[in-house]
């Protein structure tokens, strides 16, 4: 899709800010307000009809996931328009700082934010929603102090223990690789918040995270000794 076609949706001042494997992200103006635009790009290797159907379905599913999260009490961007034909979502531009930078700048002083993130992810999982990409880059602290979760492009509707474990395992890996100086304390703070919502049920998820870690180490060791 060209920018001319995006402007046909009423968008102005389009600025490409990120190219992902599945979608392009723009900042723009829509009906006088700043917005973020997520457009799922066509894939030339897929049959055109299948490609259109897949992109439309995934776009609608992401919008539904954002709505489900909001119903569960998790702050997410407001959605202004979902256009199936162009596989495009126009949503609120959330002002604030990413948790990634906050942890880097504030270190242990930001551990309360990790506990709040744990509570929010617990609310998602309790509502049968897997985020799919819980990273500190996808959490924004707004000027009024709220945490807002963004980028539900890999989300799915599931209460499966394995999927919950994978959700948390990704975050733990991000903490260890990107925030290694506070990784242990940040993970423990996250789990306090997570357990405050799911109670004993959270222990099963944490045990699943450990199991996933052991699987990864086993595969690594086998590859090393081949």
C-alpha atoms as a PDB file:
ATOM      1  CA  UNK A   1       0.000   0.000   0.000  1.00  0.00           C
ATOM      2  CA  UNK A   2       1.296   3.453  -0.894  1.00  0.00           C
ATOM      3  CA  UNK A   3       1.071   6.437   1.415  1.00  0.00           C
ATOM      4  CA  UNK A   4      -1.480   7.873  -1.027  1.00  0.00           C
ATOM      5  CA  UNK A   5      -3.770   4.958  -0.210  1.00  0.00           C
ATOM      6  CA  UNK A   6      -3.267   5.497   3.523  1.00  0.00           C
ATOM      7  CA  UNK A   7      -4.218   9.136   3.144  1.00  0.00           C
ATOM      8  CA  UNK A   8      -7.483   7.918   1.602  1.00  0.00           C
ATOM      9  CA  UNK A   9      -8.391   6.829   5.161  1.00  0.00           C
ATOM     10  CA  UNK A  10      -8.168  10.461   6.223  1.00  0.00           C
ATOM     11  CA  UNK A  11      -4.607  10.283   7.522  1.00  0.00           C
ATOM     12  CA  UNK A  12      -2.296  13.268   7.266  1.00  0.00           C
ATOM     13  CA  UNK A  13       1.385  13.992   8.034  1.00  0.00           C
ATOM     14  CA  UNK A  14       2.343  10.325   7.746  1.00  0.00           C
ATOM     15  CA  UNK A  15       5.765   9.418   9.130  1.00  0.00           C
ATOM     16  CA  UNK A  16       7.137   5.871   8.923  1.00  0.00           C
ATOM     17  CA  UNK A  17       8.682   4.996  12.292  1.00  0.00           C
ATOM     18  CA  UNK A  18       9.230   1.240  12.070  1.00  0.00           C
ATOM     19  CA  UNK A  19       9.231  -1.563   9.525  1.00  0.00           C
ATOM     20  CA  UNK A  20       8.426  -4.945  11.023  1.00  0.00           C
ATOM     21  CA  UNK A  21       8.214  -8.376   9.457  1.00  0.00           C
ATOM     22  CA  UNK A  22       4.421  -8.227   9.430  1.00  0.00           C
ATOM     23  CA  UNK A  23       3.556  -4.550   9.566  1.00  0.00           C
ATOM     24  CA  UNK A  24       4.699  -0.988   9.059  1.00  0.00           C
ATOM     25  CA  UNK A  25       4.119   1.494  11.876  1.00  0.00           C
ATOM     26  CA  UNK A  26       3.430   5.152  11.146  1.00  0.00           C
ATOM     27  CA  UNK A  27       2.810   8.252  13.201  1.00  0.00           C
ATOM     28  CA  UNK A  28       0.194  10.518  11.669  1.00  0.00           C
ATOM     29  CA  UNK A  29      -2.654  12.920  12.243  1.00  0.00           C
ATOM     30  CA  UNK A  30      -6.274  11.776  11.941  1.00  0.00           C
ATOM     31  CA  UNK A  31      -9.294  14.013  12.483  1.00  0.00           C
ATOM     32  CA  UNK A  32      -7.054  16.550  14.194  1.00  0.00           C
ATOM     33  CA  UNK A  33      -5.434  14.198  16.701  1.00  0.00           C
ATOM     34  CA  UNK A  34      -2.068  12.410  16.761  1.00  0.00           C
ATOM     35  CA  UNK A  35      -2.363   8.682  16.022  1.00  0.00           C
ATOM     36  CA  UNK A  36      -0.344   5.549  15.446  1.00  0.00           C
ATOM     37  CA  UNK A  37      -1.111   3.594  12.293  1.00  0.00           C
ATOM     38  CA  UNK A  38      -0.374  -0.112  11.966  1.00  0.00           C
ATOM     39  CA  UNK A  39      -0.591  -1.455   8.435  1.00  0.00           C
ATOM     40  CA  UNK A  40      -0.019  -5.135   7.693  1.00  0.00           C
ATOM     41  CA  UNK A  41       1.930  -5.248   4.458  1.00  0.00           C
ATOM     42  CA  UNK A  42       1.175  -7.633   1.561  1.00  0.00           C
ATOM     43  CA  UNK A  43       3.452 -10.640   1.139  1.00  0.00           C
ATOM     44  CA  UNK A  44       4.389 -11.392  -2.472  1.00  0.00           C
ATOM     45  CA  UNK A  45       5.093 -15.073  -1.709  1.00  0.00           C
ATOM     46  CA  UNK A  46       1.446 -15.687  -0.736  1.00  0.00           C
ATOM     47  CA  UNK A  47      -1.478 -16.068  -3.108  1.00  0.00           C
ATOM     48  CA  UNK A  48      -3.107 -12.613  -3.305  1.00  0.00           C
ATOM     49  CA  UNK A  49      -6.519 -13.763  -2.076  1.00  0.00           C
ATOM     50  CA  UNK A  50      -5.020 -15.761   0.793  1.00  0.00           C
ATOM     51  CA  UNK A  51      -2.759 -12.836   1.647  1.00  0.00           C
ATOM     52  CA  UNK A  52      -5.669 -10.402   1.848  1.00  0.00           C
ATOM     53  CA  UNK A  53      -7.702 -12.800   3.983  1.00  0.00           C
ATOM     54  CA  UNK A  54      -4.821 -13.471   6.387  1.00  0.00           C
ATOM     55  CA  UNK A  55      -3.967  -9.821   6.820  1.00  0.00           C
ATOM     56  CA  UNK A  56      -7.606  -8.882   7.377  1.00  0.00           C
ATOM     57  CA  UNK A  57      -8.114 -11.672   9.920  1.00  0.00           C
ATOM     58  CA  UNK A  58      -4.956 -10.836  11.856  1.00  0.00           C
ATOM     59  CA  UNK A  59      -5.836  -7.155  11.893  1.00  0.00           C
ATOM     60  CA  UNK A  60      -9.287  -7.844  13.333  1.00  0.00           C
ATOM     61  CA  UNK A  61      -7.857 -10.327  15.855  1.00  0.00           C
ATOM     62  CA  UNK A  62      -5.361  -7.745  17.106  1.00  0.00           C
ATOM     63  CA  UNK A  63      -8.116  -5.164  17.534  1.00  0.00           C
ATOM     64  CA  UNK A  64     -10.225  -7.717  19.401  1.00  0.00           C
ATOM     65  CA  UNK A  65      -7.271  -8.545  21.673  1.00  0.00           C
ATOM     66  CA  UNK A  66      -6.755  -4.864  22.508  1.00  0.00           C
ATOM     67  CA  UNK A  67     -10.463  -4.573  23.332  1.00  0.00           C
ATOM     68  CA  UNK A  68     -10.367  -7.749  25.473  1.00  0.00           C
ATOM     69  CA  UNK A  69      -7.365  -6.404  27.369  1.00  0.00           C
ATOM     70  CA  UNK A  70      -9.179  -3.149  28.062  1.00  0.00           C
ATOM     71  CA  UNK A  71     -12.206  -5.084  29.364  1.00  0.00           C
ATOM     72  CA  UNK A  72      -9.818  -6.967  31.682  1.00  0.00           C
ATOM     73  CA  UNK A  73      -8.674  -3.683  33.207  1.00  0.00           C
ATOM     74  CA  UNK A  74      -5.410  -3.387  31.290  1.00  0.00           C
ATOM     75  CA  UNK A  75      -4.687   0.051  29.806  1.00  0.00           C
ATOM     76  CA  UNK A  76      -4.231  -0.167  26.027  1.00  0.00           C
ATOM     77  CA  UNK A  77      -4.383   2.379  23.191  1.00  0.00           C
ATOM     78  CA  UNK A  78      -7.842   3.507  22.129  1.00  0.00           C
ATOM     79  CA  UNK A  79      -8.744   2.170  18.682  1.00  0.00           C
ATOM     80  CA  UNK A  80     -10.248   4.709  16.295  1.00  0.00           C
ATOM     81  CA  UNK A  81     -10.574   2.689  13.082  1.00  0.00           C
ATOM     82  CA  UNK A  82     -10.106  -0.894  11.918  1.00  0.00           C
ATOM     83  CA  UNK A  83     -10.019  -1.167   8.128  1.00  0.00           C
ATOM     84  CA  UNK A  84     -10.179  -4.794   6.972  1.00  0.00           C
ATOM     85  CA  UNK A  85      -9.731  -3.930   3.299  1.00  0.00           C
ATOM     86  CA  UNK A  86      -6.326  -2.338   3.852  1.00  0.00           C
ATOM     87  CA  UNK A  87      -5.415  -4.384   6.969  1.00  0.00           C
ATOM     88  CA  UNK A  88      -4.905  -1.162   8.902  1.00  0.00           C
ATOM     89  CA  UNK A  89      -5.555  -0.090  12.497  1.00  0.00           C
ATOM     90  CA  UNK A  90      -5.625   3.577  13.473  1.00  0.00           C
ATOM     91  CA  UNK A  91      -5.145   3.973  17.206  1.00  0.00           C
ATOM     92  CA  UNK A  92      -4.301   6.435  19.929  1.00  0.00           C
ATOM     93  CA  UNK A  93      -0.771   7.765  20.090  1.00  0.00           C
ATOM     94  CA  UNK A  94       0.204   7.008  23.697  1.00  0.00           C
ATOM     95  CA  UNK A  95       2.489   9.680  25.099  1.00  0.00           C
ATOM     96  CA  UNK A  96       5.107   8.656  27.624  1.00  0.00           C
ATOM     97  CA  UNK A  97       8.338   6.792  28.245  1.00  0.00           C
ATOM     98  CA  UNK A  98       9.034   3.167  27.434  1.00  0.00           C
ATOM     99  CA  UNK A  99       9.721   0.854  30.357  1.00  0.00           C
ATOM    100  CA  UNK A 100      12.935  -0.105  28.553  1.00  0.00           C
ATOM    101  CA  UNK A 101      14.399   3.367  29.040  1.00  0.00           C
ATOM    102  CA  UNK A 102      12.956   3.748  32.540  1.00  0.00           C
ATOM    103  CA  UNK A 103      14.652   0.561  33.755  1.00  0.00           C
ATOM    104  CA  UNK A 104      17.918   1.617  32.119  1.00  0.00           C
ATOM    105  CA  UNK A 105      17.811   5.091  33.680  1.00  0.00           C
ATOM    106  CA  UNK A 106      16.257   4.397  37.072  1.00  0.00           C
ATOM    107  CA  UNK A 107      17.365   0.824  37.788  1.00  0.00           C
ATOM    108  CA  UNK A 108      15.987  -0.432  41.100  1.00  0.00           C
ATOM    109  CA  UNK A 109      13.865   2.694  41.519  1.00  0.00           C
ATOM    110  CA  UNK A 110      11.703   1.360  38.665  1.00  0.00           C
ATOM    111  CA  UNK A 111      10.970  -1.987  40.307  1.00  0.00           C
ATOM    112  CA  UNK A 112       7.502  -0.804  41.304  1.00  0.00           C
ATOM    113  CA  UNK A 113       6.710  -0.516  37.608  1.00  0.00           C
ATOM    114  CA  UNK A 114       7.731  -4.131  37.094  1.00  0.00           C
ATOM    115  CA  UNK A 115       5.373  -5.187  39.877  1.00  0.00           C
ATOM    116  CA  UNK A 116       2.555  -3.243  38.203  1.00  0.00           C
ATOM    117  CA  UNK A 117       3.424  -4.877  34.871  1.00  0.00           C
ATOM    118  CA  UNK A 118       3.137  -8.271  36.565  1.00  0.00           C
ATOM    119  CA  UNK A 119      -0.323  -7.358  37.793  1.00  0.00           C
ATOM    120  CA  UNK A 120      -1.400  -6.267  34.310  1.00  0.00           C
ATOM    121  CA  UNK A 121      -0.093  -9.447  32.660  1.00  0.00           C
ATOM    122  CA  UNK A 122      -1.872 -11.432  35.359  1.00  0.00           C
ATOM    123  CA  UNK A 123      -5.097  -9.662  34.369  1.00  0.00           C
ATOM    124  CA  UNK A 124      -4.487 -10.553  30.716  1.00  0.00           C
ATOM    125  CA  UNK A 125      -3.891 -14.223  31.509  1.00  0.00           C
ATOM    126  CA  UNK A 126      -6.895 -14.387  33.825  1.00  0.00           C
ATOM    127  CA  UNK A 127      -8.997 -13.060  30.937  1.00  0.00           C
ATOM    128  CA  UNK A 128      -7.728 -15.792  28.598  1.00  0.00           C
ATOM    129  CA  UNK A 129      -5.438 -13.532  26.605  1.00  0.00           C
ATOM    130  CA  UNK A 130      -1.787 -14.126  25.718  1.00  0.00           C
ATOM    131  CA  UNK A 131       0.102 -10.970  24.753  1.00  0.00           C
ATOM    132  CA  UNK A 132       2.753 -12.806  22.734  1.00  0.00           C
ATOM    133  CA  UNK A 133       5.437 -10.117  22.908  1.00  0.00           C
ATOM    134  CA  UNK A 134       5.838  -8.911  26.489  1.00  0.00           C
ATOM    135  CA  UNK A 135       8.995  -6.834  26.332  1.00  0.00           C
ATOM    136  CA  UNK A 136       9.990  -3.632  28.102  1.00  0.00           C
ATOM    137  CA  UNK A 137       9.736  -1.905  24.705  1.00  0.00           C
ATOM    138  CA  UNK A 138       6.002  -2.621  24.572  1.00  0.00           C
ATOM    139  CA  UNK A 139       5.127  -0.953  27.877  1.00  0.00           C
ATOM    140  CA  UNK A 140       4.716   2.824  28.139  1.00  0.00           C
ATOM    141  CA  UNK A 141       4.429   4.897  31.309  1.00  0.00           C
ATOM    142  CA  UNK A 142       2.171   7.856  30.624  1.00  0.00           C
ATOM    143  CA  UNK A 143       2.657  11.296  32.223  1.00  0.00           C
ATOM    144  CA  UNK A 144      -0.081  10.445  34.764  1.00  0.00           C
ATOM    145  CA  UNK A 145       1.873   7.345  35.879  1.00  0.00           C
ATOM    146  CA  UNK A 146      -0.182   4.610  34.219  1.00  0.00           C
ATOM    147  CA  UNK A 147       1.415   1.712  32.396  1.00  0.00           C
ATOM    148  CA  UNK A 148      -0.044   1.082  28.934  1.00  0.00           C
ATOM    149  CA  UNK A 149       0.567  -2.160  27.029  1.00  0.00           C
ATOM    150  CA  UNK A 150       1.004  -1.839  23.272  1.00  0.00           C
ATOM    151  CA  UNK A 151       1.649  -4.056  20.224  1.00  0.00           C
ATOM    152  CA  UNK A 152      -0.776  -6.965  20.429  1.00  0.00           C
ATOM    153  CA  UNK A 153       0.185  -8.197  16.955  1.00  0.00           C
ATOM    154  CA  UNK A 154       1.231 -11.637  18.226  1.00  0.00           C
ATOM    155  CA  UNK A 155      -1.568 -12.009  20.759  1.00  0.00           C
ATOM    156  CA  UNK A 156      -3.868 -15.016  20.966  1.00  0.00           C
ATOM    157  CA  UNK A 157      -6.901 -16.070  22.956  1.00  0.00           C
ATOM    158  CA  UNK A 158      -5.824 -18.934  25.186  1.00  0.00           C
ATOM    159  CA  UNK A 159      -5.644 -20.039  28.818  1.00  0.00           C
ATOM    160  CA  UNK A 160      -3.141 -22.776  27.970  1.00  0.00           C
ATOM    161  CA  UNK A 161      -0.419 -23.173  30.593  1.00  0.00           C
ATOM    162  CA  UNK A 162       2.300 -23.605  27.961  1.00  0.00           C
ATOM    163  CA  UNK A 163       1.308 -20.381  26.188  1.00  0.00           C
ATOM    164  CA  UNK A 164       1.283 -18.489  29.478  1.00  0.00           C
ATOM    165  CA  UNK A 165       4.718 -19.882  30.289  1.00  0.00           C
ATOM    166  CA  UNK A 166       6.110 -18.834  26.913  1.00  0.00           C
ATOM    167  CA  UNK A 167       4.646 -15.340  27.444  1.00  0.00           C
ATOM    168  CA  UNK A 168       6.544 -14.930  30.727  1.00  0.00           C
ATOM    169  CA  UNK A 169       9.675 -16.698  29.494  1.00  0.00           C
ATOM    170  CA  UNK A 170      10.115 -14.098  26.776  1.00  0.00           C
ATOM    171  CA  UNK A 171      10.000 -11.283  29.328  1.00  0.00           C
ATOM    172  CA  UNK A 172      12.520 -13.045  31.569  1.00  0.00           C
ATOM    173  CA  UNK A 173      14.911 -13.420  28.641  1.00  0.00           C
ATOM    174  CA  UNK A 174      14.513  -9.729  27.773  1.00  0.00           C
ATOM    175  CA  UNK A 175      15.314  -8.762  31.354  1.00  0.00           C
ATOM    176  CA  UNK A 176      18.415 -10.962  31.397  1.00  0.00           C
ATOM    177  CA  UNK A 177      19.721  -9.718  28.056  1.00  0.00           C
ATOM    178  CA  UNK A 178      18.749  -6.039  28.135  1.00  0.00           C
ATOM    179  CA  UNK A 179      18.472  -5.216  31.843  1.00  0.00           C
ATOM    180  CA  UNK A 180      20.998  -7.653  33.328  1.00  0.00           C
ATOM    181  CA  UNK A 181      21.999  -5.321  36.196  1.00  0.00           C
ATOM    182  CA  UNK A 182      18.503  -5.481  37.712  1.00  0.00           C
ATOM    183  CA  UNK A 183      17.194  -8.616  35.994  1.00  0.00           C
ATOM    184  CA  UNK A 184      16.756 -10.755  39.117  1.00  0.00           C
ATOM    185  CA  UNK A 185      15.051  -8.042  41.170  1.00  0.00           C
ATOM    186  CA  UNK A 186      12.912  -6.987  38.203  1.00  0.00           C
ATOM    187  CA  UNK A 187      11.753 -10.559  37.613  1.00  0.00           C
ATOM    188  CA  UNK A 188      10.931 -11.039  41.295  1.00  0.00           C
ATOM    189  CA  UNK A 189       8.982  -7.761  41.334  1.00  0.00           C
ATOM    190  CA  UNK A 190       7.082  -8.827  38.214  1.00  0.00           C
ATOM    191  CA  UNK A 191       6.166 -12.149  39.834  1.00  0.00           C
ATOM    192  CA  UNK A 192       4.872 -10.399  42.964  1.00  0.00           C
ATOM    193  CA  UNK A 193       2.431  -8.477  40.821  1.00  0.00           C
ATOM    194  CA  UNK A 194       1.547 -11.528  38.736  1.00  0.00           C
ATOM    195  CA  UNK A 195       0.859 -13.640  41.842  1.00  0.00           C
ATOM    196  CA  UNK A 196      -1.277 -10.876  43.355  1.00  0.00           C
ATOM    197  CA  UNK A 197      -3.770 -11.483  40.534  1.00  0.00           C
ATOM    198  CA  UNK A 198      -3.517 -15.216  39.845  1.00  0.00           C
ATOM    199  CA  UNK A 199      -2.655 -16.490  43.316  1.00  0.00           C
ATOM    200  CA  UNK A 200      -1.656 -20.163  43.462  1.00  0.00           C
ATOM    201  CA  UNK A 201      -2.375 -20.490  39.751  1.00  0.00           C
ATOM    202  CA  UNK A 202       0.707 -18.353  39.127  1.00  0.00           C
ATOM    203  CA  UNK A 203       2.955 -21.055  40.608  1.00  0.00           C
ATOM    204  CA  UNK A 204       2.003 -23.421  37.790  1.00  0.00           C
ATOM    205  CA  UNK A 205       3.000 -20.778  35.239  1.00  0.00           C
ATOM    206  CA  UNK A 206       6.325 -20.065  36.969  1.00  0.00           C
ATOM    207  CA  UNK A 207       7.073 -23.801  37.057  1.00  0.00           C
ATOM    208  CA  UNK A 208       6.288 -23.933  33.333  1.00  0.00           C
ATOM    209  CA  UNK A 209       8.770 -21.078  32.737  1.00  0.00           C
ATOM    210  CA  UNK A 210      11.465 -23.139  34.517  1.00  0.00           C
ATOM    211  CA  UNK A 211      10.556 -26.165  32.398  1.00  0.00           C
ATOM    212  CA  UNK A 212      10.884 -24.110  29.197  1.00  0.00           C
ATOM    213  CA  UNK A 213      14.285 -22.862  30.356  1.00  0.00           C
ATOM    214  CA  UNK A 214      15.472 -26.414  31.019  1.00  0.00           C
ATOM    215  CA  UNK A 215      14.296 -27.495  27.584  1.00  0.00           C
ATOM    216  CA  UNK A 216      16.302 -24.695  26.012  1.00  0.00           C
ATOM    217  CA  UNK A 217      19.437 -25.635  27.942  1.00  0.00           C
ATOM    218  CA  UNK A 218      19.042 -29.287  26.962  1.00  0.00           C
ATOM    219  CA  UNK A 219      18.780 -28.402  23.270  1.00  0.00           C
ATOM    220  CA  UNK A 220      21.804 -26.104  23.560  1.00  0.00           C
ATOM    221  CA  UNK A 221      23.881 -28.779  25.262  1.00  0.00           C
ATOM    222  CA  UNK A 222      22.949 -31.381  22.641  1.00  0.00           C
ATOM    223  CA  UNK A 223      23.907 -29.010  19.830  1.00  0.00           C
ATOM    224  CA  UNK A 224      27.201 -28.225  21.538  1.00  0.00           C
ATOM    225  CA  UNK A 225      28.190 -31.898  21.794  1.00  0.00           C
ATOM    226  CA  UNK A 226      27.270 -32.905  18.244  1.00  0.00           C
END
